């Protein structure tokens, strides 16, 4: 797997500590729901580390859940800004 991001996204992740973990979560509620990406600016807990691929991009560490599927085997991270809120998008993530 390869990692792709622009300079703005790189600087944002670097400022947040240089580590990012990506996995899927199922929201709990009365109506169920689909899986959504869960992004944390840290490495996964030690007891769950075996579930993640460890990737690098320059001096960043990116941990990706092994069950996640990305188009062309490319993990693309893209910083999205709405007003004062910043969020990381995963444009190449394929959800079933």
C-alpha atoms as a PDB file:
ATOM      1  CA  UNK A   1       0.000   0.000   0.000  1.00  0.00           C
ATOM      2  CA  UNK A   2       1.162   3.506  -0.786  1.00  0.00           C
ATOM      3  CA  UNK A   3       0.248   6.821   0.828  1.00  0.00           C
ATOM      4  CA  UNK A   4      -0.606  10.030  -1.003  1.00  0.00           C
ATOM      5  CA  UNK A   5      -1.291  13.494   0.422  1.00  0.00           C
ATOM      6  CA  UNK A   6      -0.710  17.109  -0.498  1.00  0.00           C
ATOM      7  CA  UNK A   7       1.600  19.477   1.379  1.00  0.00           C
ATOM      8  CA  UNK A   8      -1.236  21.097   3.361  1.00  0.00           C
ATOM      9  CA  UNK A   9      -2.433  17.717   4.647  1.00  0.00           C
ATOM     10  CA  UNK A  10       1.146  16.677   5.449  1.00  0.00           C
ATOM     11  CA  UNK A  11       1.732  19.827   7.518  1.00  0.00           C
ATOM     12  CA  UNK A  12      -1.579  19.365   9.362  1.00  0.00           C
ATOM     13  CA  UNK A  13      -0.807  15.739  10.329  1.00  0.00           C
ATOM     14  CA  UNK A  14       2.763  16.720  11.277  1.00  0.00           C
ATOM     15  CA  UNK A  15       1.423  19.494  13.531  1.00  0.00           C
ATOM     16  CA  UNK A  16      -0.946  16.969  15.183  1.00  0.00           C
ATOM     17  CA  UNK A  17       1.997  14.757  16.199  1.00  0.00           C
ATOM     18  CA  UNK A  18       2.981  12.952  13.008  1.00  0.00           C
ATOM     19  CA  UNK A  19       0.994   9.768  13.712  1.00  0.00           C
ATOM     20  CA  UNK A  20      -2.443   8.871  12.400  1.00  0.00           C
ATOM     21  CA  UNK A  21      -4.561   5.728  12.825  1.00  0.00           C
ATOM     22  CA  UNK A  22      -7.411   4.892  10.465  1.00  0.00           C
ATOM     23  CA  UNK A  23     -10.009   2.217  11.097  1.00  0.00           C
ATOM     24  CA  UNK A  24     -13.728   1.689  10.624  1.00  0.00           C
ATOM     25  CA  UNK A  25     -16.432   2.114  13.224  1.00  0.00           C
ATOM     26  CA  UNK A  26     -20.096   1.245  13.209  1.00  0.00           C
ATOM     27  CA  UNK A  27     -22.194   3.996  14.779  1.00  0.00           C
ATOM     28  CA  UNK A  28     -24.521   2.683  17.448  1.00  0.00           C
ATOM     29  CA  UNK A  29     -28.130   3.740  17.373  1.00  0.00           C
ATOM     30  CA  UNK A  30     -31.659   2.545  16.981  1.00  0.00           C
ATOM     31  CA  UNK A  31     -31.533   2.497  13.172  1.00  0.00           C
ATOM     32  CA  UNK A  32     -28.143   0.831  12.688  1.00  0.00           C
ATOM     33  CA  UNK A  33     -25.854   2.397  10.165  1.00  0.00           C
ATOM     34  CA  UNK A  34     -23.007   1.885   7.793  1.00  0.00           C
ATOM     35  CA  UNK A  35     -19.355   1.820   8.708  1.00  0.00           C
ATOM     36  CA  UNK A  36     -17.586   5.158   8.707  1.00  0.00           C
ATOM     37  CA  UNK A  37     -13.863   5.959   8.877  1.00  0.00           C
ATOM     38  CA  UNK A  38     -12.499   6.705  12.323  1.00  0.00           C
ATOM     39  CA  UNK A  39      -9.318   8.798  12.303  1.00  0.00           C
ATOM     40  CA  UNK A  40      -7.199   9.310  15.413  1.00  0.00           C
ATOM     41  CA  UNK A  41      -4.010  11.364  15.635  1.00  0.00           C
ATOM     42  CA  UNK A  42      -1.962   8.748  17.463  1.00  0.00           C
ATOM     43  CA  UNK A  43      -0.828   5.169  17.005  1.00  0.00           C
ATOM     44  CA  UNK A  44      -3.294   2.368  17.782  1.00  0.00           C
ATOM     45  CA  UNK A  45      -3.301   0.864  21.276  1.00  0.00           C
ATOM     46  CA  UNK A  46      -0.573  -1.776  21.679  1.00  0.00           C
ATOM     47  CA  UNK A  47      -3.094  -4.597  22.124  1.00  0.00           C
ATOM     48  CA  UNK A  48      -4.680  -3.754  18.729  1.00  0.00           C
ATOM     49  CA  UNK A  49      -1.465  -3.036  16.803  1.00  0.00           C
ATOM     50  CA  UNK A  50      -1.601  -6.437  15.031  1.00  0.00           C
ATOM     51  CA  UNK A  51      -4.792  -5.323  13.214  1.00  0.00           C
ATOM     52  CA  UNK A  52      -3.039  -2.451  11.406  1.00  0.00           C
ATOM     53  CA  UNK A  53      -0.656  -1.983   8.493  1.00  0.00           C
ATOM     54  CA  UNK A  54       2.085   0.475   9.409  1.00  0.00           C
ATOM     55  CA  UNK A  55       2.859   2.802   6.507  1.00  0.00           C
ATOM     56  CA  UNK A  56       5.168   5.788   6.275  1.00  0.00           C
ATOM     57  CA  UNK A  57       5.041   9.023   4.340  1.00  0.00           C
ATOM     58  CA  UNK A  58       8.232  11.018   4.686  1.00  0.00           C
ATOM     59  CA  UNK A  59       8.540  11.230   8.507  1.00  0.00           C
ATOM     60  CA  UNK A  60       4.864  10.467   9.283  1.00  0.00           C
ATOM     61  CA  UNK A  61       3.514   7.152  10.587  1.00  0.00           C
ATOM     62  CA  UNK A  62       0.163   6.048   9.158  1.00  0.00           C
ATOM     63  CA  UNK A  63      -1.615   3.025  10.651  1.00  0.00           C
ATOM     64  CA  UNK A  64      -4.400   1.543   8.515  1.00  0.00           C
ATOM     65  CA  UNK A  65      -6.776  -1.221   9.609  1.00  0.00           C
ATOM     66  CA  UNK A  66      -6.019  -4.357   7.584  1.00  0.00           C
ATOM     67  CA  UNK A  67      -9.705  -4.874   6.702  1.00  0.00           C
ATOM     68  CA  UNK A  68      -9.934  -1.550   4.858  1.00  0.00           C
ATOM     69  CA  UNK A  69      -9.834  -1.530   1.058  1.00  0.00           C
ATOM     70  CA  UNK A  70      -8.471   1.363  -0.997  1.00  0.00           C
ATOM     71  CA  UNK A  71      -8.743   1.922  -4.739  1.00  0.00           C
ATOM     72  CA  UNK A  72      -5.482   1.082  -6.566  1.00  0.00           C
ATOM     73  CA  UNK A  73      -3.972   0.141  -3.184  1.00  0.00           C
ATOM     74  CA  UNK A  74      -3.475   3.884  -2.524  1.00  0.00           C
ATOM     75  CA  UNK A  75      -4.297   5.456   0.854  1.00  0.00           C
ATOM     76  CA  UNK A  76      -5.033   9.064  -0.023  1.00  0.00           C
ATOM     77  CA  UNK A  77      -5.416  11.585   2.787  1.00  0.00           C
ATOM     78  CA  UNK A  78      -6.964  14.955   2.023  1.00  0.00           C
ATOM     79  CA  UNK A  79      -7.501  17.836   4.431  1.00  0.00           C
ATOM     80  CA  UNK A  80     -11.007  19.300   4.223  1.00  0.00           C
ATOM     81  CA  UNK A  81     -11.820  22.668   5.758  1.00  0.00           C
ATOM     82  CA  UNK A  82     -15.325  23.909   6.572  1.00  0.00           C
ATOM     83  CA  UNK A  83     -15.384  27.236   8.323  1.00  0.00           C
ATOM     84  CA  UNK A  84     -13.305  26.614  11.466  1.00  0.00           C
ATOM     85  CA  UNK A  85     -13.447  22.803  11.310  1.00  0.00           C
ATOM     86  CA  UNK A  86     -10.696  20.728   9.720  1.00  0.00           C
ATOM     87  CA  UNK A  87     -11.155  17.064   8.884  1.00  0.00           C
ATOM     88  CA  UNK A  88      -9.256  14.362   7.001  1.00  0.00           C
ATOM     89  CA  UNK A  89     -11.026  12.711   4.067  1.00  0.00           C
ATOM     90  CA  UNK A  90     -10.124   9.375   2.490  1.00  0.00           C
ATOM     91  CA  UNK A  91     -11.098   9.753  -1.197  1.00  0.00           C
ATOM     92  CA  UNK A  92      -9.753   6.338  -2.244  1.00  0.00           C
ATOM     93  CA  UNK A  93     -11.484   4.365   0.536  1.00  0.00           C
ATOM     94  CA  UNK A  94     -13.880   1.776  -0.827  1.00  0.00           C
ATOM     95  CA  UNK A  95     -16.842   0.943   1.397  1.00  0.00           C
ATOM     96  CA  UNK A  96     -19.161  -1.877   0.490  1.00  0.00           C
END
